[in-house]
Amino acid sequence: MTAANSEATVATGPSIDAKGQFVALGSTSFVERLPDGSILKRPSPALDRASERRDELRLESEIYDRLGESSLIVKKLGWDDKDCALRLEYMSNGTLREYIKSHQEVSNNQRQKWSMEAAQGLQLLHQAGVVHCDVGPHNYLLGQDLQLKITDFAGSSLDGSSTNIRPGSRYKAPRTSKNAPGNPTIHDDIFALGSTIYFIMEGKAPFEEFESEKVQNKFQDNQFPDIGATPCAKIIRDCWLGEFSCVEKVIEAINELSTS
């Protein structure tokens, strides 16, 4: 997880006993950096959906256990079931989204490496029966060595479990026969991976200039950004068009690009 400069307080809702430096407050969790340098993730202190938030963090802990340790996944350091508190490794370079926004000079080789790591991390999830459900540059983190790791499984689907989490409009697949209304599938994740690789290569999200509803309408009509000169252009488009049956095929395509 990543850190940010802020006070260890919550602007709204009930107070929470701060244990370290405030990092983030999301719809599901309250995140701090502890004195030992690790990250502590606890249920958001807001009163609504309190039980659901605790269940989501329990699921996230279970998914970390299912996945095991990998250089492609943020490392789980501990779990306190009483407080529903998940302890994770600290990722000093923050989210992929924020890093790219502030480092436009990143080389194409590094961007292609991140694209591969993004796909490989997602592959590990799918092999373990996990659909992430919110793939995007905000849910990939960078360590000191710029190694990319996938994170945030609180809203994921495990072995087909139900979830209310969906990606943002620029990462959300249009409705097709492969992802009919209902629980997200690996095809939704692969579409979002295409938008993530687009962000890695272009430094911006697809159709950033349009409102969310218009973006979804364009996707539904198979209208996508012009990516003719973009590295990984065919890979991105094939993710969007549902041409990949699994993430392994995306990885193979990136490998072919690297060796061509």
Protein backbone atom coordinates (compact mmCIF):
# COMPACT_ATOMS: atom_id res chain seq x y z
CA MET A 1 0.00 0.00 0.00
CA THR A 2 1.03 3.59 -0.44
CA ALA A 3 1.31 6.58 1.85
CA ALA A 4 0.25 10.21 1.53
CA ASN A 5 0.85 13.33 3.60
CA SER A 6 -2.19 13.97 5.78
CA GLU A 7 -3.35 14.04 9.35
CA ALA A 8 -4.55 10.87 11.08
CA THR A 9 -8.13 12.08 11.34
CA VAL A 10 -11.40 11.43 9.61
CA ALA A 11 -13.45 14.38 8.41
CA THR A 12 -16.83 12.67 8.60
CA GLY A 13 -18.43 9.80 10.47
CA PRO A 14 -17.42 8.44 13.87
CA SER A 15 -13.85 8.81 15.06
CA ILE A 16 -11.38 5.96 14.76
CA ASP A 17 -8.48 5.20 17.07
CA ALA A 18 -5.48 6.22 14.99
CA LYS A 19 -2.53 3.84 15.15
CA GLY A 20 -0.21 5.51 12.65
CA GLN A 21 0.10 8.03 9.82
CA PHE A 22 -3.07 8.50 7.80
CA VAL A 23 -2.81 7.18 4.23
CA ALA A 24 -6.31 6.99 2.79
CA LEU A 25 -10.00 6.76 3.59
CA GLY A 26 -12.09 4.91 1.05
CA SER A 27 -15.63 3.59 0.85
CA THR A 28 -14.50 0.29 2.38
CA SER A 29 -11.44 0.95 4.50
CA PHE A 30 -9.33 3.30 6.59
CA VAL A 31 -5.62 2.95 5.80
CA GLU A 32 -2.62 4.00 7.91
CA ARG A 33 1.13 3.55 7.90
CA LEU A 34 2.30 2.08 11.21
CA PRO A 35 5.49 3.10 13.05
CA ASP A 36 7.19 -0.12 11.86
CA GLY A 37 6.64 0.98 8.24
CA SER A 38 3.89 -1.49 7.38
CA ILE A 39 0.37 -0.60 6.26
CA LEU A 40 -2.75 -1.21 8.37
CA LYS A 41 -6.10 -1.49 6.63
CA ARG A 42 -9.25 -1.44 8.76
CA PRO A 43 -12.98 -1.07 8.03
CA SER A 44 -14.08 2.47 7.25
CA PRO A 45 -15.48 4.14 10.40
CA ALA A 46 -18.69 5.32 8.71
CA LEU A 47 -21.76 3.75 10.33
CA ASP A 48 -23.52 2.51 7.18
CA ARG A 49 -22.60 -0.93 5.81
CA ALA A 50 -20.33 -1.60 8.83
CA SER A 51 -20.92 -5.36 8.81
CA GLU A 52 -20.46 -5.53 5.03
CA ARG A 53 -17.14 -3.67 5.25
CA ARG A 54 -15.85 -6.12 7.83
CA ASP A 55 -16.87 -9.04 5.62
CA GLU A 56 -15.09 -7.44 2.66
CA LEU A 57 -11.84 -7.18 4.59
CA ARG A 58 -12.18 -10.78 5.80
CA LEU A 59 -12.60 -11.80 2.16
CA GLU A 60 -9.53 -9.78 1.20
CA SER A 61 -7.47 -11.53 3.88
CA GLU A 62 -8.73 -14.91 2.64
CA ILE A 63 -7.79 -14.03 -0.93
CA TYR A 64 -4.27 -13.07 0.14
CA ASP A 65 -3.98 -16.47 1.82
CA ARG A 66 -5.30 -18.23 -1.29
CA LEU A 67 -2.80 -16.40 -3.51
CA GLY A 68 0.25 -16.93 -1.29
CA GLU A 69 3.39 -14.87 -1.62
CA SER A 70 4.46 -13.54 -5.02
CA SER A 71 6.60 -10.70 -6.31
CA LEU A 72 3.52 -9.60 -8.28
CA ILE A 73 1.20 -9.22 -5.27
CA VAL A 74 1.41 -6.82 -2.33
CA LYS A 75 2.58 -8.92 0.62
CA LYS A 76 0.23 -9.72 3.49
CA LEU A 77 2.02 -9.35 6.83
CA GLY A 78 -0.78 -10.15 9.26
CA TRP A 79 -4.48 -10.30 10.10
CA ASP A 80 -6.37 -9.42 13.30
CA ASP A 81 -9.78 -11.06 13.09
CA LYS A 82 -11.19 -9.23 16.13
CA ASP A 83 -10.60 -5.79 14.59
CA CYS A 84 -10.78 -6.98 10.96
CA ALA A 85 -7.38 -5.35 10.51
CA LEU A 86 -5.17 -6.35 7.59
CA ARG A 87 -1.46 -5.54 7.70
CA LEU A 88 0.37 -5.18 4.37
CA GLU A 89 3.78 -4.22 3.07
CA TYR A 90 4.42 -0.56 2.30
CA MET A 91 4.89 0.34 -1.37
CA SER A 92 7.02 3.48 -1.39
CA ASN A 93 6.29 4.71 -4.94
CA GLY A 94 2.53 4.66 -4.53
CA THR A 95 -0.08 3.84 -7.12
CA LEU A 96 0.77 3.28 -10.75
CA ARG A 97 -1.72 6.00 -11.64
CA GLU A 98 -0.10 8.69 -9.51
CA TYR A 99 3.44 7.66 -10.44
CA ILE A 100 2.81 7.88 -14.18
CA LYS A 101 0.95 11.19 -13.81
CA SER A 102 4.01 12.70 -12.11
CA HIS A 103 6.71 10.92 -14.20
CA GLN A 104 5.81 11.41 -17.86
CA GLU A 105 9.41 10.69 -18.87
CA VAL A 106 9.12 6.95 -18.12
CA SER A 107 10.74 4.90 -20.90
CA ASN A 108 8.77 2.68 -23.28
CA ASN A 109 10.72 -0.33 -22.02
CA GLN A 110 9.60 0.38 -18.46
CA ARG A 111 6.01 0.88 -19.59
CA GLN A 112 6.07 -2.42 -21.44
CA LYS A 113 7.53 -4.13 -18.36
CA TRP A 114 4.69 -2.74 -16.24
CA SER A 115 2.16 -3.96 -18.81
CA MET A 116 3.58 -7.45 -18.49
CA GLU A 117 3.60 -7.32 -14.68
CA ALA A 118 0.02 -6.02 -14.64
CA ALA A 119 -1.08 -8.97 -16.76
CA GLN A 120 0.96 -11.50 -14.78
CA GLY A 121 -0.47 -10.30 -11.48
CA LEU A 122 -3.99 -10.61 -12.84
CA GLN A 123 -3.17 -14.07 -14.16
CA LEU A 124 -2.29 -15.22 -10.63
CA LEU A 125 -5.68 -14.07 -9.41
CA HIS A 126 -7.62 -15.84 -12.14
CA GLN A 127 -5.68 -19.06 -11.61
CA ALA A 128 -6.71 -18.93 -7.95
CA GLY A 129 -10.41 -18.43 -8.69
CA VAL A 130 -10.39 -14.68 -8.05
CA VAL A 131 -11.96 -12.04 -10.29
CA HIS A 132 -10.55 -8.69 -9.19
CA CYS A 133 -13.59 -6.62 -10.33
CA ASP A 134 -11.80 -3.24 -10.14
CA VAL A 135 -8.67 -3.55 -12.28
CA GLY A 136 -7.06 -0.18 -12.95
CA PRO A 137 -3.87 1.82 -12.37
CA HIS A 138 -5.21 2.86 -8.94
CA ASN A 139 -5.05 -0.78 -7.80
CA TYR A 140 -1.48 -1.46 -8.87
CA LEU A 141 1.29 -0.25 -6.56
CA LEU A 142 5.00 0.37 -7.10
CA GLY A 143 7.79 -0.50 -4.69
CA GLN A 144 11.16 1.20 -4.32
CA ASP A 145 12.52 -0.80 -7.28
CA LEU A 146 9.43 0.09 -9.40
CA GLN A 147 8.21 -3.51 -9.27
CA LEU A 148 4.48 -3.49 -10.04
CA LYS A 149 2.13 -5.34 -7.68
CA ILE A 150 -1.63 -5.79 -7.75
CA THR A 151 -3.65 -5.02 -4.63
CA ASP A 152 -7.08 -4.32 -3.08
CA PHE A 153 -9.20 -7.47 -3.13
CA ALA A 154 -11.91 -6.31 -0.71
CA GLY A 155 -14.44 -6.07 -3.53
CA SER A 156 -13.24 -9.09 -5.49
CA SER A 157 -15.18 -12.24 -6.34
CA LEU A 158 -13.78 -15.50 -4.92
CA ASP A 159 -14.98 -18.75 -6.51
CA GLY A 160 -17.93 -16.90 -8.02
CA SER A 161 -18.99 -15.08 -4.85
CA SER A 162 -21.24 -12.05 -5.35
CA THR A 163 -19.90 -8.49 -5.21
CA ASN A 164 -21.27 -5.01 -5.75
CA ILE A 165 -17.91 -3.62 -6.88
CA ARG A 166 -17.50 -2.53 -10.50
CA PRO A 167 -14.66 -0.68 -12.22
CA GLY A 168 -14.90 2.96 -13.24
CA SER A 169 -16.49 3.82 -16.58
CA ARG A 170 -13.17 3.92 -18.47
CA TYR A 171 -12.31 0.42 -17.27
CA LYS A 172 -15.78 -1.11 -17.41
CA ALA A 173 -16.59 -3.50 -20.24
CA PRO A 174 -19.79 -3.01 -22.24
CA ARG A 175 -22.45 -5.69 -21.87
CA THR A 176 -21.89 -8.63 -24.24
CA SER A 177 -22.67 -12.34 -24.33
CA LYS A 178 -19.35 -12.94 -22.55
CA ASN A 179 -20.18 -10.73 -19.58
CA ALA A 180 -23.97 -10.64 -19.37
CA PRO A 181 -25.49 -8.73 -16.43
CA GLY A 182 -24.55 -10.36 -13.16
CA ASN A 183 -21.33 -11.03 -11.35
CA PRO A 184 -18.14 -9.79 -13.06
CA THR A 185 -16.09 -12.38 -14.95
CA ILE A 186 -12.50 -12.70 -16.11
CA HIS A 187 -13.62 -11.02 -19.35
CA ASP A 188 -14.48 -7.87 -17.39
CA ASP A 189 -11.01 -7.97 -15.82
CA ILE A 190 -9.36 -8.42 -19.23
CA PHE A 191 -11.23 -5.43 -20.67
CA ALA A 192 -10.08 -3.35 -17.69
CA LEU A 193 -6.54 -4.64 -18.21
CA GLY A 194 -6.68 -3.23 -21.75
CA SER A 195 -7.61 0.19 -20.38
CA THR A 196 -4.85 -0.14 -17.77
CA ILE A 197 -2.24 -0.90 -20.43
CA TYR A 198 -3.58 2.07 -22.41
CA PHE A 199 -3.04 4.25 -19.33
CA ILE A 200 0.48 2.86 -18.89
CA MET A 201 1.37 3.67 -22.49
CA GLU A 202 -0.49 6.97 -22.91
CA GLY A 203 -0.30 8.41 -19.40
CA LYS A 204 -4.05 8.98 -19.32
CA ALA A 205 -7.27 6.99 -19.09
CA PRO A 206 -9.31 6.16 -22.20
CA PHE A 207 -11.57 9.03 -23.28
CA GLU A 208 -10.47 11.21 -20.37
CA GLU A 209 -12.03 14.19 -22.14
CA PHE A 210 -15.57 12.76 -21.98
CA GLU A 211 -18.12 12.33 -19.20
CA SER A 212 -18.51 8.81 -17.79
CA GLU A 213 -21.88 8.11 -19.41
CA LYS A 214 -20.61 9.09 -22.85
CA VAL A 215 -17.58 6.81 -22.40
CA GLN A 216 -19.82 3.84 -21.68
CA ASN A 217 -21.99 4.64 -24.70
CA LYS A 218 -18.90 4.72 -26.91
CA PHE A 219 -17.66 1.40 -25.53
CA GLN A 220 -21.09 -0.15 -26.09
CA ASP A 221 -20.85 0.94 -29.75
CA ASN A 222 -17.32 -0.51 -30.02
CA GLN A 223 -15.84 2.98 -30.28
CA PHE A 224 -12.42 3.28 -28.66
CA PRO A 225 -9.60 5.85 -28.56
CA ASP A 226 -7.29 6.11 -31.55
CA ILE A 227 -4.29 3.98 -30.60
CA GLY A 228 -2.65 3.48 -33.98
CA ALA A 229 0.79 4.67 -32.87
CA THR A 230 0.56 3.43 -29.29
CA PRO A 231 2.95 0.65 -28.20
CA CYS A 232 0.89 -2.47 -27.44
CA ALA A 233 -1.92 -1.02 -29.61
CA LYS A 234 -3.17 -4.39 -30.90
CA ILE A 235 -3.01 -5.90 -27.41
CA ILE A 236 -5.04 -3.05 -25.96
CA ARG A 237 -7.65 -3.24 -28.72
CA ASP A 238 -7.95 -7.03 -28.45
CA CYS A 239 -8.55 -6.68 -24.70
CA TRP A 240 -11.32 -4.18 -25.44
CA LEU A 241 -12.87 -6.30 -28.19
CA GLY A 242 -12.88 -9.51 -26.14
CA GLU A 243 -10.42 -11.30 -28.41
CA PHE A 244 -8.46 -12.81 -25.50
CA SER A 245 -10.03 -15.86 -23.86
CA CYS A 246 -7.76 -15.57 -20.82
CA VAL A 247 -4.97 -13.41 -19.41
CA GLU A 248 -2.39 -16.01 -20.47
CA LYS A 249 -3.10 -15.00 -24.07
CA VAL A 250 -2.42 -11.36 -23.20
CA ILE A 251 0.91 -12.35 -21.66
CA GLU A 252 1.82 -14.35 -24.77
CA ALA A 253 1.05 -11.32 -26.94
CA ILE A 254 3.21 -9.03 -24.80
CA ASN A 255 6.02 -11.59 -24.95
CA GLU A 256 5.79 -11.70 -28.74
CA LEU A 257 5.97 -7.92 -28.85
CA SER A 258 9.08 -7.96 -26.65
CA THR A 259 10.90 -10.42 -28.90
CA SER A 260 9.86 -8.94 -32.26
